[in-house]
Amino acid sequence: MSKHDELHFADFVHARSPALLRTAFLLTADSHLAQDLLQTALVKTWRAWRTIRDQEAPDAYVRRVMVTTATSWWRRKWWGERPAQSLPQTAAHDDPLDSIGARQALVTALARLPPRQRAVVVLRYYEDLSELQVAEVLGTSVGNVKSQASRGLRKLRADGALDDWAPQRHSACTELTMHGGSNGPF
C-alpha cells in the first residue's frame, strides 16, 4: 500500500471513528463489543482499502462490514445467559440522570430487535441514511428496508422497556436522529 493510501486511511480512521463507534454501539448494545466491532471493521477495511471503489465514501463500506460482522456474531452468540425480568431499584423520574435511563431503555429495546431490523433502524434513523442508501449498505432492496424499518419501529413502540420513560421517550428516541435527521421514527 502506498504512503498516500496509508495517510488517507489514517485520516479517515481519525475523523470517522467516533461516529462509527456510536453506530457500532447501537448495533451491539454493548460498549466493549462495539469497540471490538469497530476495530474488526476497520481491519477488514484496511485490507480492502485499495479495492474500495468509491474512496470518497468509505463510510458505507465500513457500515456494511459492521452490519455483516455484528450479524455473524449474533448468529454465533451463546444464548445461555438470560436477562433478569426486573431491574434493581431505579432513581425517581425527576432525577437529572433520567435521560441516561431513557437512553439505556432505548438501547435495551434496540438490542431486542432481530439483527437485520436493528441494522435498518440504526442506519436509517441514527445514521440518517436514505432508504436507498440503507439498501445499498445491506445489499437488499428498498422495499425490504421499508418493511424491516416498519417492523422494527412497531416493535420499538410496543417494547415495554420504553414505557417507564414515556416523559423522555421523545428525547431518548431522538438519540437515533441526533445528527439532524428529520426522519424520526417516533
N, C-alpha and C. Protein backbone atom coordinates (compact mmCIF):
# COMPACT_ATOMS: atom_id res chain seq x y z
N MET A 1 0.85 -1.17 0.00
CA MET A 1 0.00 0.00 0.00
C MET A 1 0.90 1.23 0.00
N SER A 2 0.51 2.21 -0.77
CA SER A 2 1.32 3.42 -0.89
C SER A 2 1.21 4.27 0.38
N LYS A 3 2.19 5.13 0.55
CA LYS A 3 2.21 6.05 1.69
C LYS A 3 0.97 6.95 1.66
N HIS A 4 0.57 7.37 0.46
CA HIS A 4 -0.63 8.21 0.32
C HIS A 4 -1.87 7.46 0.82
N ASP A 5 -1.99 6.18 0.45
CA ASP A 5 -3.14 5.38 0.91
C ASP A 5 -3.12 5.22 2.43
N GLU A 6 -1.94 5.00 2.99
CA GLU A 6 -1.82 4.87 4.44
C GLU A 6 -2.26 6.15 5.15
N LEU A 7 -1.82 7.27 4.65
CA LEU A 7 -2.20 8.55 5.25
C LEU A 7 -3.70 8.81 5.08
N HIS A 8 -4.24 8.50 3.92
CA HIS A 8 -5.67 8.68 3.67
C HIS A 8 -6.49 7.81 4.63
N PHE A 9 -6.07 6.56 4.82
CA PHE A 9 -6.77 5.67 5.74
C PHE A 9 -6.66 6.17 7.18
N ALA A 10 -5.48 6.59 7.58
CA ALA A 10 -5.29 7.11 8.95
C ALA A 10 -6.16 8.34 9.19
N ASP A 11 -6.25 9.22 8.20
CA ASP A 11 -7.12 10.40 8.33
C ASP A 11 -8.58 9.97 8.45
N PHE A 12 -8.97 9.01 7.65
CA PHE A 12 -10.34 8.50 7.70
C PHE A 12 -10.66 7.94 9.08
N VAL A 13 -9.78 7.11 9.61
CA VAL A 13 -9.99 6.50 10.93
C VAL A 13 -10.09 7.57 12.00
N HIS A 14 -9.20 8.52 11.96
CA HIS A 14 -9.19 9.59 12.96
C HIS A 14 -10.48 10.41 12.90
N ALA A 15 -10.92 10.73 11.71
CA ALA A 15 -12.10 11.59 11.56
C ALA A 15 -13.41 10.86 11.82
N ARG A 16 -13.52 9.62 11.43
CA ARG A 16 -14.81 8.94 11.45
C ARG A 16 -15.01 7.95 12.59
N SER A 17 -13.96 7.60 13.32
CA SER A 17 -14.09 6.60 14.39
C SER A 17 -15.14 6.94 15.44
N PRO A 18 -15.21 8.15 15.96
CA PRO A 18 -16.24 8.43 16.98
C PRO A 18 -17.67 8.16 16.49
N ALA A 19 -17.99 8.61 15.30
CA ALA A 19 -19.34 8.38 14.76
C ALA A 19 -19.57 6.90 14.48
N LEU A 20 -18.58 6.23 13.93
CA LEU A 20 -18.72 4.80 13.63
C LEU A 20 -18.83 3.99 14.92
N LEU A 21 -18.15 4.43 15.98
CA LEU A 21 -18.25 3.73 17.26
C LEU A 21 -19.66 3.84 17.83
N ARG A 22 -20.28 5.00 17.69
CA ARG A 22 -21.67 5.15 18.15
C ARG A 22 -22.60 4.21 17.39
N THR A 23 -22.39 4.10 16.10
CA THR A 23 -23.19 3.17 15.30
C THR A 23 -22.94 1.74 15.75
N ALA A 24 -21.70 1.40 15.98
CA ALA A 24 -21.36 0.04 16.45
C ALA A 24 -22.03 -0.24 17.79
N PHE A 25 -22.07 0.76 18.66
CA PHE A 25 -22.73 0.58 19.96
C PHE A 25 -24.22 0.29 19.78
N LEU A 26 -24.86 1.02 18.91
CA LEU A 26 -26.28 0.79 18.67
C LEU A 26 -26.53 -0.58 18.04
N LEU A 27 -25.58 -1.07 17.26
CA LEU A 27 -25.73 -2.39 16.66
C LEU A 27 -25.52 -3.52 17.66
N THR A 28 -24.67 -3.29 18.66
CA THR A 28 -24.33 -4.36 19.60
C THR A 28 -24.94 -4.19 20.98
N ALA A 29 -25.29 -2.97 21.36
CA ALA A 29 -25.82 -2.65 22.69
C ALA A 29 -24.82 -2.97 23.80
N ASP A 30 -23.55 -2.93 23.48
CA ASP A 30 -22.50 -3.22 24.46
C ASP A 30 -21.26 -2.43 24.07
N SER A 31 -20.75 -1.62 24.99
CA SER A 31 -19.64 -0.74 24.64
C SER A 31 -18.37 -1.51 24.27
N HIS A 32 -18.10 -2.61 24.98
CA HIS A 32 -16.90 -3.38 24.65
C HIS A 32 -17.05 -4.10 23.31
N LEU A 33 -18.21 -4.67 23.06
CA LEU A 33 -18.45 -5.30 21.76
C LEU A 33 -18.41 -4.27 20.64
N ALA A 34 -18.90 -3.06 20.92
CA ALA A 34 -18.88 -2.01 19.92
C ALA A 34 -17.44 -1.66 19.53
N GLN A 35 -16.57 -1.57 20.52
CA GLN A 35 -15.16 -1.29 20.22
C GLN A 35 -14.55 -2.42 19.41
N ASP A 36 -14.87 -3.66 19.80
CA ASP A 36 -14.36 -4.81 19.03
C ASP A 36 -14.91 -4.81 17.61
N LEU A 37 -16.20 -4.49 17.49
CA LEU A 37 -16.82 -4.47 16.16
C LEU A 37 -16.17 -3.42 15.28
N LEU A 38 -15.98 -2.22 15.81
CA LEU A 38 -15.36 -1.17 15.02
C LEU A 38 -13.93 -1.54 14.63
N GLN A 39 -13.19 -2.07 15.57
CA GLN A 39 -11.81 -2.45 15.27
C GLN A 39 -11.77 -3.53 14.19
N THR A 40 -12.65 -4.52 14.31
CA THR A 40 -12.72 -5.58 13.30
C THR A 40 -13.08 -5.01 11.94
N ALA A 41 -14.06 -4.11 11.92
CA ALA A 41 -14.48 -3.49 10.66
C ALA A 41 -13.35 -2.67 10.05
N LEU A 42 -12.61 -1.95 10.87
CA LEU A 42 -11.51 -1.14 10.34
C LEU A 42 -10.37 -2.01 9.82
N VAL A 43 -10.11 -3.13 10.47
CA VAL A 43 -9.08 -4.05 9.97
C VAL A 43 -9.50 -4.60 8.60
N LYS A 44 -10.77 -5.00 8.49
CA LYS A 44 -11.26 -5.52 7.22
C LYS A 44 -11.24 -4.42 6.15
N THR A 45 -11.53 -3.20 6.54
CA THR A 45 -11.50 -2.08 5.61
C THR A 45 -10.06 -1.81 5.17
N TRP A 46 -9.12 -1.87 6.10
CA TRP A 46 -7.71 -1.67 5.78
C TRP A 46 -7.25 -2.67 4.73
N ARG A 47 -7.65 -3.92 4.92
CA ARG A 47 -7.25 -4.96 3.96
C ARG A 47 -7.81 -4.70 2.57
N ALA A 48 -8.98 -4.08 2.50
CA ALA A 48 -9.64 -3.85 1.21
C ALA A 48 -9.51 -2.41 0.74
N TRP A 49 -8.73 -1.61 1.42
CA TRP A 49 -8.68 -0.17 1.14
C TRP A 49 -8.40 0.12 -0.33
N ARG A 50 -7.49 -0.62 -0.92
CA ARG A 50 -7.13 -0.38 -2.32
C ARG A 50 -8.27 -0.74 -3.28
N THR A 51 -9.10 -1.67 -2.88
CA THR A 51 -10.15 -2.14 -3.78
C THR A 51 -11.50 -1.47 -3.57
N ILE A 52 -11.60 -0.65 -2.53
CA ILE A 52 -12.87 0.06 -2.32
C ILE A 52 -13.03 1.03 -3.48
N ARG A 53 -14.06 0.84 -4.23
CA ARG A 53 -14.22 1.61 -5.47
C ARG A 53 -14.41 3.10 -5.22
N ASP A 54 -15.24 3.43 -4.27
CA ASP A 54 -15.57 4.84 -4.03
C ASP A 54 -14.82 5.32 -2.80
N GLN A 55 -13.57 5.67 -2.97
CA GLN A 55 -12.75 6.09 -1.83
C GLN A 55 -13.22 7.40 -1.23
N GLU A 56 -14.12 8.08 -1.90
CA GLU A 56 -14.67 9.31 -1.35
C GLU A 56 -15.74 9.04 -0.31
N ALA A 57 -16.26 7.81 -0.24
CA ALA A 57 -17.31 7.47 0.73
C ALA A 57 -17.08 6.09 1.34
N PRO A 58 -15.95 5.90 2.03
CA PRO A 58 -15.69 4.59 2.62
C PRO A 58 -16.58 4.29 3.84
N ASP A 59 -17.31 5.30 4.34
CA ASP A 59 -18.22 5.07 5.47
C ASP A 59 -19.20 3.95 5.16
N ALA A 60 -19.74 3.96 3.96
CA ALA A 60 -20.73 2.94 3.57
C ALA A 60 -20.11 1.55 3.64
N TYR A 61 -18.87 1.44 3.19
CA TYR A 61 -18.18 0.15 3.24
C TYR A 61 -18.00 -0.30 4.69
N VAL A 62 -17.55 0.60 5.56
CA VAL A 62 -17.33 0.25 6.97
C VAL A 62 -18.65 -0.13 7.63
N ARG A 63 -19.72 0.63 7.34
CA ARG A 63 -21.03 0.30 7.92
C ARG A 63 -21.48 -1.08 7.50
N ARG A 64 -21.30 -1.39 6.23
CA ARG A 64 -21.70 -2.71 5.75
C ARG A 64 -20.90 -3.81 6.45
N VAL A 65 -19.60 -3.60 6.60
CA VAL A 65 -18.76 -4.57 7.31
C VAL A 65 -19.24 -4.72 8.76
N MET A 66 -19.58 -3.60 9.41
CA MET A 66 -20.06 -3.68 10.79
C MET A 66 -21.36 -4.46 10.88
N VAL A 67 -22.29 -4.20 9.96
CA VAL A 67 -23.58 -4.90 10.00
C VAL A 67 -23.39 -6.39 9.77
N THR A 68 -22.61 -6.76 8.76
CA THR A 68 -22.44 -8.18 8.49
C THR A 68 -21.65 -8.87 9.61
N THR A 69 -20.67 -8.19 10.16
CA THR A 69 -19.90 -8.77 11.26
C THR A 69 -20.77 -8.92 12.51
N ALA A 70 -21.54 -7.89 12.83
CA ALA A 70 -22.44 -7.97 14.00
C ALA A 70 -23.46 -9.08 13.83
N THR A 71 -23.99 -9.22 12.63
CA THR A 71 -24.95 -10.30 12.35
C THR A 71 -24.29 -11.65 12.52
N SER A 72 -23.08 -11.78 12.04
CA SER A 72 -22.33 -13.03 12.19
C SER A 72 -22.09 -13.35 13.67
N TRP A 73 -21.71 -12.33 14.45
CA TRP A 73 -21.51 -12.54 15.88
C TRP A 73 -22.81 -12.93 16.56
N TRP A 74 -23.90 -12.28 16.16
CA TRP A 74 -25.20 -12.57 16.77
C TRP A 74 -25.60 -14.01 16.51
N ARG A 75 -25.35 -14.50 15.31
CA ARG A 75 -25.71 -15.88 14.98
C ARG A 75 -24.93 -16.89 15.80
N ARG A 76 -23.69 -16.55 16.14
CA ARG A 76 -22.86 -17.47 16.92
C ARG A 76 -22.99 -17.27 18.41
N LYS A 77 -23.73 -16.26 18.82
CA LYS A 77 -23.82 -15.92 20.23
C LYS A 77 -24.46 -17.05 21.04
N TRP A 78 -23.91 -17.27 22.21
CA TRP A 78 -24.47 -18.25 23.12
C TRP A 78 -25.63 -17.60 23.86
N TRP A 79 -26.77 -18.23 23.82
CA TRP A 79 -27.97 -17.65 24.41
C TRP A 79 -28.27 -18.24 25.77
N GLY A 80 -27.26 -18.80 26.46
CA GLY A 80 -27.46 -19.40 27.78
C GLY A 80 -27.73 -18.38 28.87
N GLU A 81 -27.23 -17.16 28.72
CA GLU A 81 -27.48 -16.12 29.70
C GLU A 81 -28.85 -15.52 29.45
N ARG A 82 -29.57 -15.29 30.52
CA ARG A 82 -30.90 -14.72 30.40
C ARG A 82 -30.96 -13.42 31.20
N PRO A 83 -31.54 -12.39 30.62
CA PRO A 83 -31.65 -11.14 31.37
C PRO A 83 -32.68 -11.28 32.49
N ALA A 84 -32.48 -10.52 33.54
CA ALA A 84 -33.42 -10.53 34.66
C ALA A 84 -34.72 -9.85 34.23
N GLN A 85 -35.84 -10.31 34.78
CA GLN A 85 -37.12 -9.70 34.41
C GLN A 85 -37.32 -8.35 35.07
N SER A 86 -36.71 -8.16 36.23
CA SER A 86 -36.86 -6.86 36.88
C SER A 86 -35.47 -6.28 37.17
N LEU A 87 -35.40 -4.99 37.02
CA LEU A 87 -34.15 -4.30 37.26
C LEU A 87 -34.07 -3.88 38.73
N PRO A 88 -32.89 -3.63 39.23
CA PRO A 88 -32.78 -3.12 40.59
C PRO A 88 -33.51 -1.77 40.69
N GLN A 89 -33.77 -1.36 41.89
CA GLN A 89 -34.49 -0.11 42.10
C GLN A 89 -33.80 1.02 41.34
N THR A 90 -34.61 1.83 40.64
CA THR A 90 -34.06 2.92 39.85
C THR A 90 -34.37 4.26 40.51
N ALA A 91 -33.71 5.28 40.06
CA ALA A 91 -33.92 6.63 40.59
C ALA A 91 -35.30 7.14 40.20
N ALA A 92 -35.78 8.12 40.92
CA ALA A 92 -37.06 8.74 40.62
C ALA A 92 -37.00 9.43 39.26
N HIS A 93 -38.15 9.59 38.61
CA HIS A 93 -38.19 10.19 37.27
C HIS A 93 -37.78 11.65 37.25
N ASP A 94 -37.79 12.33 38.38
CA ASP A 94 -37.37 13.73 38.36
C ASP A 94 -35.85 13.86 38.55
N ASP A 95 -35.19 12.75 38.63
CA ASP A 95 -33.73 12.74 38.76
C ASP A 95 -33.11 13.27 37.47
N PRO A 96 -32.06 14.10 37.55
CA PRO A 96 -31.45 14.64 36.33
C PRO A 96 -30.80 13.57 35.46
N LEU A 97 -30.61 12.38 35.98
CA LEU A 97 -29.99 11.32 35.19
C LEU A 97 -31.02 10.50 34.42
N ASP A 98 -32.29 10.94 34.40
CA ASP A 98 -33.33 10.21 33.68
C ASP A 98 -32.98 10.01 32.22
N SER A 99 -32.36 10.97 31.61
CA SER A 99 -32.05 10.83 30.19
C SER A 99 -31.10 9.64 29.96
N ILE A 100 -30.24 9.38 30.92
CA ILE A 100 -29.36 8.21 30.82
C ILE A 100 -30.19 6.95 30.87
N GLY A 101 -31.15 6.91 31.78
CA GLY A 101 -32.04 5.74 31.86
C GLY A 101 -32.88 5.59 30.61
N ALA A 102 -33.36 6.69 30.07
CA ALA A 102 -34.15 6.64 28.85
C ALA A 102 -33.30 6.13 27.69
N ARG A 103 -32.07 6.62 27.61
CA ARG A 103 -31.17 6.14 26.57
C ARG A 103 -30.89 4.65 26.72
N GLN A 104 -30.69 4.22 27.97
CA GLN A 104 -30.44 2.79 28.22
C GLN A 104 -31.66 1.97 27.85
N ALA A 105 -32.86 2.50 28.13
CA ALA A 105 -34.08 1.79 27.74
C ALA A 105 -34.15 1.65 26.22
N LEU A 106 -33.76 2.69 25.50
CA LEU A 106 -33.77 2.62 24.05
C LEU A 106 -32.75 1.60 23.55
N VAL A 107 -31.56 1.61 24.13
CA VAL A 107 -30.54 0.64 23.74
C VAL A 107 -31.00 -0.77 24.03
N THR A 108 -31.65 -0.97 25.17
CA THR A 108 -32.19 -2.28 25.53
C THR A 108 -33.25 -2.71 24.52
N ALA A 109 -34.14 -1.79 24.17
CA ALA A 109 -35.18 -2.11 23.19
C ALA A 109 -34.56 -2.43 21.82
N LEU A 110 -33.54 -1.66 21.42
CA LEU A 110 -32.86 -1.95 20.16
C LEU A 110 -32.21 -3.33 20.19
N ALA A 111 -31.65 -3.69 21.33
CA ALA A 111 -30.97 -4.99 21.44
C ALA A 111 -31.95 -6.15 21.30
N ARG A 112 -33.22 -5.91 21.56
CA ARG A 112 -34.23 -6.96 21.44
C ARG A 112 -34.71 -7.16 20.00
N LEU A 113 -34.38 -6.23 19.14
CA LEU A 113 -34.77 -6.38 17.74
C LEU A 113 -33.89 -7.43 17.07
N PRO A 114 -34.43 -8.15 16.10
CA PRO A 114 -33.57 -9.04 15.31
C PRO A 114 -32.47 -8.22 14.64
N PRO A 115 -31.32 -8.80 14.39
CA PRO A 115 -30.17 -8.05 13.88
C PRO A 115 -30.47 -7.25 12.61
N ARG A 116 -31.22 -7.81 11.70
CA ARG A 116 -31.49 -7.10 10.43
C ARG A 116 -32.36 -5.87 10.68
N GLN A 117 -33.40 -6.02 11.52
CA GLN A 117 -34.25 -4.87 11.84
C GLN A 117 -33.45 -3.81 12.59
N ARG A 118 -32.62 -4.25 13.53
CA ARG A 118 -31.80 -3.32 14.29
C ARG A 118 -30.88 -2.56 13.34
N ALA A 119 -30.26 -3.27 12.40
CA ALA A 119 -29.35 -2.62 11.45
C ALA A 119 -30.10 -1.58 10.62
N VAL A 120 -31.30 -1.92 10.15
CA VAL A 120 -32.08 -0.98 9.35
C VAL A 120 -32.45 0.24 10.18
N VAL A 121 -32.93 0.04 11.40
CA VAL A 121 -33.34 1.17 12.25
C VAL A 121 -32.14 2.06 12.57
N VAL A 122 -31.01 1.46 12.91
CA VAL A 122 -29.82 2.25 13.25
C VAL A 122 -29.33 3.03 12.03
N LEU A 123 -29.22 2.35 10.90
CA LEU A 123 -28.71 3.03 9.71
C LEU A 123 -29.70 4.08 9.19
N ARG A 124 -30.97 3.78 9.27
CA ARG A 124 -31.98 4.70 8.72
C ARG A 124 -32.18 5.92 9.62
N TYR A 125 -32.31 5.70 10.93
CA TYR A 125 -32.71 6.79 11.81
C TYR A 125 -31.56 7.36 12.64
N TYR A 126 -30.54 6.59 12.94
CA TYR A 126 -29.40 7.14 13.66
C TYR A 126 -28.40 7.74 12.67
N GLU A 127 -28.04 6.95 11.66
CA GLU A 127 -27.09 7.44 10.66
C GLU A 127 -27.77 8.36 9.66
N ASP A 128 -29.10 8.41 9.67
CA ASP A 128 -29.89 9.27 8.80
C ASP A 128 -29.61 9.01 7.32
N LEU A 129 -29.47 7.72 6.99
CA LEU A 129 -29.29 7.35 5.59
C LEU A 129 -30.66 7.24 4.93
N SER A 130 -30.71 7.46 3.65
CA SER A 130 -31.96 7.28 2.92
C SER A 130 -32.25 5.79 2.81
N GLU A 131 -33.48 5.47 2.43
CA GLU A 131 -33.84 4.05 2.25
C GLU A 131 -32.95 3.41 1.20
N LEU A 132 -32.65 4.15 0.13
CA LEU A 132 -31.79 3.64 -0.93
C LEU A 132 -30.38 3.37 -0.41
N GLN A 133 -29.85 4.30 0.39
CA GLN A 133 -28.50 4.12 0.94
C GLN A 133 -28.45 2.92 1.88
N VAL A 134 -29.48 2.76 2.72
CA VAL A 134 -29.53 1.60 3.62
C VAL A 134 -29.57 0.31 2.81
N ALA A 135 -30.38 0.31 1.75
CA ALA A 135 -30.48 -0.87 0.90
C ALA A 135 -29.12 -1.21 0.29
N GLU A 136 -28.39 -0.19 -0.13
CA GLU A 136 -27.06 -0.42 -0.71
C GLU A 136 -26.09 -0.97 0.34
N VAL A 137 -26.11 -0.41 1.55
CA VAL A 137 -25.21 -0.87 2.61
C VAL A 137 -25.50 -2.33 2.96
N LEU A 138 -26.79 -2.67 3.02
CA LEU A 138 -27.17 -4.03 3.43
C LEU A 138 -27.27 -5.00 2.26
N GLY A 139 -27.15 -4.49 1.05
CA GLY A 139 -27.25 -5.36 -0.11
C GLY A 139 -28.63 -5.97 -0.28
N THR A 140 -29.65 -5.14 -0.12
CA THR A 140 -31.02 -5.61 -0.22
C THR A 140 -31.84 -4.58 -0.99
N SER A 141 -33.13 -4.83 -1.11
CA SER A 141 -34.00 -3.92 -1.86
C SER A 141 -34.53 -2.81 -0.95
N VAL A 142 -34.97 -1.72 -1.57
CA VAL A 142 -35.58 -0.62 -0.83
C VAL A 142 -36.85 -1.09 -0.14
N GLY A 143 -37.61 -1.95 -0.82
CA GLY A 143 -38.84 -2.49 -0.22
C GLY A 143 -38.55 -3.28 1.05
N ASN A 144 -37.46 -4.05 1.04
CA ASN A 144 -37.07 -4.80 2.23
C ASN A 144 -36.68 -3.86 3.35
N VAL A 145 -35.98 -2.78 3.02
CA VAL A 145 -35.61 -1.78 4.03
C VAL A 145 -36.86 -1.18 4.64
N LYS A 146 -37.83 -0.84 3.79
CA LYS A 146 -39.08 -0.25 4.30
C LYS A 146 -39.81 -1.21 5.23
N SER A 147 -39.91 -2.48 4.83
CA SER A 147 -40.64 -3.44 5.68
C SER A 147 -39.89 -3.73 6.97
N GLN A 148 -38.56 -3.83 6.91
CA GLN A 148 -37.76 -4.07 8.12
C GLN A 148 -37.85 -2.87 9.06
N ALA A 149 -37.82 -1.66 8.51
CA ALA A 149 -37.93 -0.45 9.33
C ALA A 149 -39.31 -0.40 9.99
N SER A 150 -40.33 -0.70 9.22
CA SER A 150 -41.69 -0.68 9.76
C SER A 150 -41.85 -1.68 10.90
N ARG A 151 -41.38 -2.89 10.68
CA ARG A 151 -41.48 -3.92 11.73
C ARG A 151 -40.64 -3.54 12.95
N GLY A 152 -39.44 -3.04 12.71
CA GLY A 152 -38.56 -2.66 13.82
C GLY A 152 -39.16 -1.53 14.64
N LEU A 153 -39.70 -0.52 13.97
CA LEU A 153 -40.31 0.60 14.70
C LEU A 153 -41.54 0.15 15.47
N ARG A 154 -42.33 -0.74 14.87
CA ARG A 154 -43.51 -1.27 15.56
C ARG A 154 -43.08 -1.99 16.85
N LYS A 155 -42.02 -2.78 16.76
CA LYS A 155 -41.53 -3.49 17.95
C LYS A 155 -40.98 -2.52 18.99
N LEU A 156 -40.29 -1.48 18.54
CA LEU A 156 -39.77 -0.50 19.49
C LEU A 156 -40.90 0.22 20.20
N ARG A 157 -41.93 0.58 19.46
CA ARG A 157 -43.07 1.27 20.08
C ARG A 157 -43.77 0.38 21.09
N ALA A 158 -43.84 -0.92 20.79
CA ALA A 158 -44.56 -1.86 21.66
C ALA A 158 -43.69 -2.39 22.79
N ASP A 159 -42.39 -2.18 22.71
CA ASP A 159 -41.48 -2.74 23.71
C ASP A 159 -41.73 -2.11 25.08
N GLY A 160 -41.91 -2.90 26.08
CA GLY A 160 -42.15 -2.42 27.44
C GLY A 160 -40.99 -1.65 28.04
N ALA A 161 -39.79 -1.81 27.50
CA ALA A 161 -38.62 -1.12 28.05
C ALA A 161 -38.76 0.39 27.94
N LEU A 162 -39.55 0.86 26.99
CA LEU A 162 -39.69 2.30 26.80
C LEU A 162 -40.87 2.88 27.57
N ASP A 163 -41.74 2.04 28.11
CA ASP A 163 -42.93 2.53 28.80
C ASP A 163 -42.62 3.39 30.02
N ASP A 164 -41.65 2.99 30.82
CA ASP A 164 -41.31 3.74 32.03
C ASP A 164 -40.71 5.10 31.73
N TRP A 165 -40.33 5.31 30.50
CA TRP A 165 -39.66 6.54 30.12
C TRP A 165 -40.52 7.39 29.21
N ALA A 166 -41.84 7.25 29.32
CA ALA A 166 -42.76 7.99 28.45
C ALA A 166 -42.47 9.49 28.43
N PRO A 167 -42.20 10.15 29.59
CA PRO A 167 -41.91 11.58 29.52
C PRO A 167 -40.65 11.89 28.71
N GLN A 168 -39.69 10.99 28.73
CA GLN A 168 -38.44 11.21 28.00
C GLN A 168 -38.41 10.41 26.71
N ARG A 169 -39.50 9.73 26.37
CA ARG A 169 -39.49 8.86 25.21
C ARG A 169 -39.04 9.60 23.96
N HIS A 170 -39.58 10.78 23.78
CA HIS A 170 -39.21 11.54 22.59
C HIS A 170 -37.72 11.86 22.58
N SER A 171 -37.19 12.33 23.71
CA SER A 171 -35.78 12.69 23.73
C SER A 171 -34.88 11.47 23.61
N ALA A 172 -35.28 10.37 24.21
CA ALA A 172 -34.47 9.16 24.09
C ALA A 172 -34.49 8.63 22.67
N CYS A 173 -35.66 8.67 22.06
CA CYS A 173 -35.78 8.15 20.71
C CYS A 173 -35.09 9.06 19.71
N THR A 174 -35.01 10.33 20.00
CA THR A 174 -34.32 11.21 19.08
C THR A 174 -32.82 11.03 19.15
N GLU A 175 -32.33 10.23 20.10
CA GLU A 175 -30.91 9.86 20.08
C GLU A 175 -30.59 9.21 18.74
N LEU A 176 -31.57 8.53 18.16
CA LEU A 176 -31.34 7.89 16.87
C LEU A 176 -31.17 8.92 15.76
N THR A 177 -31.74 10.09 15.94
CA THR A 177 -31.68 11.10 14.88
C THR A 177 -30.86 12.32 15.31
N MET A 178 -29.91 12.14 16.21
CA MET A 178 -29.19 13.28 16.76
C MET A 178 -28.28 13.96 15.76
N HIS A 179 -28.13 13.42 14.58
CA HIS A 179 -27.31 14.06 13.56
C HIS A 179 -28.13 15.00 12.70
N GLY A 180 -29.27 15.43 13.21
CA GLY A 180 -30.06 16.38 12.47
C GLY A 180 -31.03 15.77 11.49
N GLY A 181 -31.23 14.46 11.57
CA GLY A 181 -32.14 13.81 10.66
C GLY A 181 -33.57 14.22 10.93
N SER A 182 -34.36 14.32 9.89
CA SER A 182 -35.75 14.70 10.06
C SER A 182 -36.67 13.51 9.91
N ASN A 183 -36.09 12.33 9.82
CA ASN A 183 -36.88 11.13 9.60
C ASN A 183 -37.09 10.38 10.90
N GLY A 184 -37.37 11.07 11.98
CA GLY A 184 -37.51 10.46 13.30
C GLY A 184 -38.50 9.32 13.30
N PRO A 185 -38.19 8.25 14.00
CA PRO A 185 -39.02 7.07 13.95
C PRO A 185 -40.24 7.13 14.86
N PHE A 186 -40.32 8.07 15.78
CA PHE A 186 -41.42 8.01 16.75
C PHE A 186 -42.29 9.24 16.71
